[in-house]
Amino acid sequence: SCKVFFAKDPLKIVRAQGQYMFDEKGEKYLDCINNVAHVGHSHPYVIKAATNQMELLNTNSRFLHDNLVQYAQRLTATLPEKLSVCYFVNSGSEANDLALRLARQYRGHQDVITLE
């Protein structure tokens, strides 16, 4: 049920920088499908921040850590007051699952309508 991109002429991507990905032959492709549109691949600030965090603690959000609270405070300060709760998840799939569970709990219904 999974679709393989470029099945007739597969790409072997070996590296990426900014908004571009590069294949094994050095050909450059604009990345329009990965989840990097906000900052691009290999962004130096993101790499530094990730490295600093991994040197300190490399775990998920199930454990309390001051950085989680500080990030939530910084994030919610930019949003309307009604959006004052943060749920940190690992992926879009986890976010969708959590959204469904919250909606079902709030409404008391199990039915879901989805569009393809």
C-alpha atoms as a PDB file:
ATOM      1  CA  SER A   1       0.000   0.000   0.000  1.00  0.00           C
ATOM      2  CA  CYS A   2       3.043   2.281   0.025  1.00  0.00           C
ATOM      3  CA  LYS A   3       3.927   4.239  -3.080  1.00  0.00           C
ATOM      4  CA  VAL A   4       7.548   4.176  -4.218  1.00  0.00           C
ATOM      5  CA  PHE A   5       8.637   7.494  -5.646  1.00  0.00           C
ATOM      6  CA  PHE A   6      10.583   7.329  -8.910  1.00  0.00           C
ATOM      7  CA  ALA A   7      10.003   3.565  -9.278  1.00  0.00           C
ATOM      8  CA  LYS A   8      10.979   3.547 -12.977  1.00  0.00           C
ATOM      9  CA  ASP A   9      14.104   5.640 -12.458  1.00  0.00           C
ATOM     10  CA  PRO A  10      14.977   5.517  -8.736  1.00  0.00           C
ATOM     11  CA  LEU A  11      17.054   8.257  -7.146  1.00  0.00           C
ATOM     12  CA  LYS A  12      19.862   7.430  -4.786  1.00  0.00           C
ATOM     13  CA  ILE A  13      20.118  10.542  -2.636  1.00  0.00           C
ATOM     14  CA  VAL A  14      23.414  10.706  -0.751  1.00  0.00           C
ATOM     15  CA  ARG A  15      23.367  14.160   0.875  1.00  0.00           C
ATOM     16  CA  ALA A  16      21.373  17.359   1.257  1.00  0.00           C
ATOM     17  CA  GLN A  17      22.048  21.024   1.954  1.00  0.00           C
ATOM     18  CA  GLY A  18      19.483  23.777   2.409  1.00  0.00           C
ATOM     19  CA  GLN A  19      16.533  23.135   0.121  1.00  0.00           C
ATOM     20  CA  TYR A  20      18.443  20.772  -2.171  1.00  0.00           C
ATOM     21  CA  MET A  21      19.187  17.057  -2.219  1.00  0.00           C
ATOM     22  CA  PHE A  22      22.018  15.538  -4.233  1.00  0.00           C
ATOM     23  CA  ASP A  23      22.220  12.126  -5.864  1.00  0.00           C
ATOM     24  CA  GLU A  24      25.250   9.870  -6.163  1.00  0.00           C
ATOM     25  CA  LYS A  25      26.226  11.596  -9.417  1.00  0.00           C
ATOM     26  CA  GLY A  26      26.120  15.068  -7.871  1.00  0.00           C
ATOM     27  CA  GLU A  27      22.853  16.032  -9.584  1.00  0.00           C
ATOM     28  CA  LYS A  28      20.921  18.644  -7.558  1.00  0.00           C
ATOM     29  CA  TYR A  29      17.164  18.329  -6.835  1.00  0.00           C
ATOM     30  CA  LEU A  30      14.864  20.819  -5.158  1.00  0.00           C
ATOM     31  CA  ASP A  31      13.383  19.035  -2.127  1.00  0.00           C
ATOM     32  CA  CYS A  32       9.625  19.546  -2.274  1.00  0.00           C
ATOM     33  CA  ILE A  33       8.528  16.399  -0.434  1.00  0.00           C
ATOM     34  CA  ASN A  34      10.491  16.040   2.801  1.00  0.00           C
ATOM     35  CA  ASN A  35       9.653  17.718   6.088  1.00  0.00           C
ATOM     36  CA  VAL A  36      12.508  20.219   5.986  1.00  0.00           C
ATOM     37  CA  ALA A  37      10.805  23.206   4.379  1.00  0.00           C
ATOM     38  CA  HIS A  38      11.120  25.344   7.503  1.00  0.00           C
ATOM     39  CA  VAL A  39      14.904  25.453   7.766  1.00  0.00           C
ATOM     40  CA  GLY A  40      16.256  23.137   5.073  1.00  0.00           C
ATOM     41  CA  HIS A  41      18.729  20.308   5.348  1.00  0.00           C
ATOM     42  CA  SER A  42      21.935  20.668   7.366  1.00  0.00           C
ATOM     43  CA  HIS A  43      21.036  24.073   8.802  1.00  0.00           C
ATOM     44  CA  PRO A  44      23.991  25.090  11.018  1.00  0.00           C
ATOM     45  CA  TYR A  45      21.797  26.553  13.799  1.00  0.00           C
ATOM     46  CA  VAL A  46      19.651  23.403  13.979  1.00  0.00           C
ATOM     47  CA  ILE A  47      22.726  21.155  13.938  1.00  0.00           C
ATOM     48  CA  LYS A  48      24.324  23.183  16.771  1.00  0.00           C
ATOM     49  CA  ALA A  49      21.131  23.161  18.862  1.00  0.00           C
ATOM     50  CA  ALA A  50      20.615  19.418  18.309  1.00  0.00           C
ATOM     51  CA  THR A  51      24.247  18.660  19.123  1.00  0.00           C
ATOM     52  CA  ASN A  52      24.111  20.726  22.311  1.00  0.00           C
ATOM     53  CA  GLN A  53      20.950  18.925  23.432  1.00  0.00           C
ATOM     54  CA  MET A  54      22.289  15.470  22.570  1.00  0.00           C
ATOM     55  CA  GLU A  55      25.488  16.197  24.507  1.00  0.00           C
ATOM     56  CA  LEU A  56      23.328  17.051  27.516  1.00  0.00           C
ATOM     57  CA  LEU A  57      20.490  14.529  27.261  1.00  0.00           C
ATOM     58  CA  ASN A  58      19.153  12.440  24.399  1.00  0.00           C
ATOM     59  CA  THR A  59      15.708  11.192  25.326  1.00  0.00           C
ATOM     60  CA  ASN A  60      12.096  11.749  24.401  1.00  0.00           C
ATOM     61  CA  SER A  61       9.579  13.945  26.180  1.00  0.00           C
ATOM     62  CA  ARG A  62       8.261  11.322  28.600  1.00  0.00           C
ATOM     63  CA  PHE A  63      10.715  12.578  31.228  1.00  0.00           C
ATOM     64  CA  LEU A  64      10.575  16.029  32.797  1.00  0.00           C
ATOM     65  CA  HIS A  65      13.239  18.449  31.623  1.00  0.00           C
ATOM     66  CA  ASP A  66      13.469  22.232  31.927  1.00  0.00           C
ATOM     67  CA  ASN A  67      14.014  22.661  28.177  1.00  0.00           C
ATOM     68  CA  LEU A  68      10.544  21.225  27.481  1.00  0.00           C
ATOM     69  CA  VAL A  69       8.913  23.737  29.798  1.00  0.00           C
ATOM     70  CA  GLN A  70      10.964  26.642  28.457  1.00  0.00           C
ATOM     71  CA  TYR A  71      10.146  25.727  24.869  1.00  0.00           C
ATOM     72  CA  ALA A  72       6.440  25.391  25.647  1.00  0.00           C
ATOM     73  CA  GLN A  73       6.459  28.812  27.326  1.00  0.00           C
ATOM     74  CA  ARG A  74       8.256  30.431  24.381  1.00  0.00           C
ATOM     75  CA  LEU A  75       5.912  28.760  21.904  1.00  0.00           C
ATOM     76  CA  THR A  76       2.647  29.574  23.677  1.00  0.00           C
ATOM     77  CA  ALA A  77       3.764  33.195  24.152  1.00  0.00           C
ATOM     78  CA  THR A  78       3.430  33.576  20.371  1.00  0.00           C
ATOM     79  CA  LEU A  79      -0.085  32.103  20.225  1.00  0.00           C
ATOM     80  CA  PRO A  80      -3.580  33.236  21.247  1.00  0.00           C
ATOM     81  CA  GLU A  81      -4.433  32.504  24.889  1.00  0.00           C
ATOM     82  CA  LYS A  82      -6.806  29.661  23.920  1.00  0.00           C
ATOM     83  CA  LEU A  83      -3.793  27.805  22.501  1.00  0.00           C
ATOM     84  CA  SER A  84      -1.938  27.509  25.786  1.00  0.00           C
ATOM     85  CA  VAL A  85      -1.327  23.751  26.040  1.00  0.00           C
ATOM     86  CA  CYS A  86       1.488  21.911  24.275  1.00  0.00           C
ATOM     87  CA  TYR A  87       1.680  18.239  23.463  1.00  0.00           C
ATOM     88  CA  PHE A  88       5.100  17.191  22.222  1.00  0.00           C
ATOM     89  CA  VAL A  89       5.102  14.226  19.874  1.00  0.00           C
ATOM     90  CA  ASN A  90       7.663  12.473  17.716  1.00  0.00           C
ATOM     91  CA  SER A  91       5.991  12.467  14.312  1.00  0.00           C
ATOM     92  CA  GLY A  92       2.980  13.404  12.237  1.00  0.00           C
ATOM     93  CA  SER A  93       1.568   9.945  12.885  1.00  0.00           C
ATOM     94  CA  GLU A  94       1.790  10.444  16.635  1.00  0.00           C
ATOM     95  CA  ALA A  95       0.226  13.902  16.269  1.00  0.00           C
ATOM     96  CA  ASN A  96      -2.690  12.485  14.276  1.00  0.00           C
ATOM     97  CA  ASP A  97      -3.182   9.662  16.767  1.00  0.00           C
ATOM     98  CA  LEU A  98      -3.177  12.094  19.681  1.00  0.00           C
ATOM     99  CA  ALA A  99      -5.595  14.454  17.914  1.00  0.00           C
ATOM    100  CA  LEU A 100      -8.026  11.579  17.328  1.00  0.00           C
ATOM    101  CA  ARG A 101      -7.795  10.413  20.929  1.00  0.00           C
ATOM    102  CA  LEU A 102      -8.339  13.944  22.255  1.00  0.00           C
ATOM    103  CA  ALA A 103     -11.319  14.523  19.945  1.00  0.00           C
ATOM    104  CA  ARG A 104     -12.873  11.184  20.901  1.00  0.00           C
ATOM    105  CA  GLN A 105     -12.424  11.926  24.601  1.00  0.00           C
ATOM    106  CA  TYR A 106     -13.841  15.432  24.275  1.00  0.00           C
ATOM    107  CA  ARG A 107     -16.852  14.517  22.107  1.00  0.00           C
ATOM    108  CA  GLY A 108     -17.507  11.041  23.464  1.00  0.00           C
ATOM    109  CA  HIS A 109     -17.809   9.614  19.940  1.00  0.00           C
ATOM    110  CA  GLN A 110     -15.654   7.062  18.135  1.00  0.00           C
ATOM    111  CA  ASP A 111     -16.619   7.859  14.531  1.00  0.00           C
ATOM    112  CA  VAL A 112     -14.156   9.515  12.174  1.00  0.00           C
ATOM    113  CA  ILE A 113     -14.636  11.060   8.746  1.00  0.00           C
ATOM    114  CA  THR A 114     -11.547  11.459   6.609  1.00  0.00           C
ATOM    115  CA  LEU A 115     -10.837  12.695   3.097  1.00  0.00           C
ATOM    116  CA  GLU A 116      -8.426  11.146   0.638  1.00  0.00           C
END
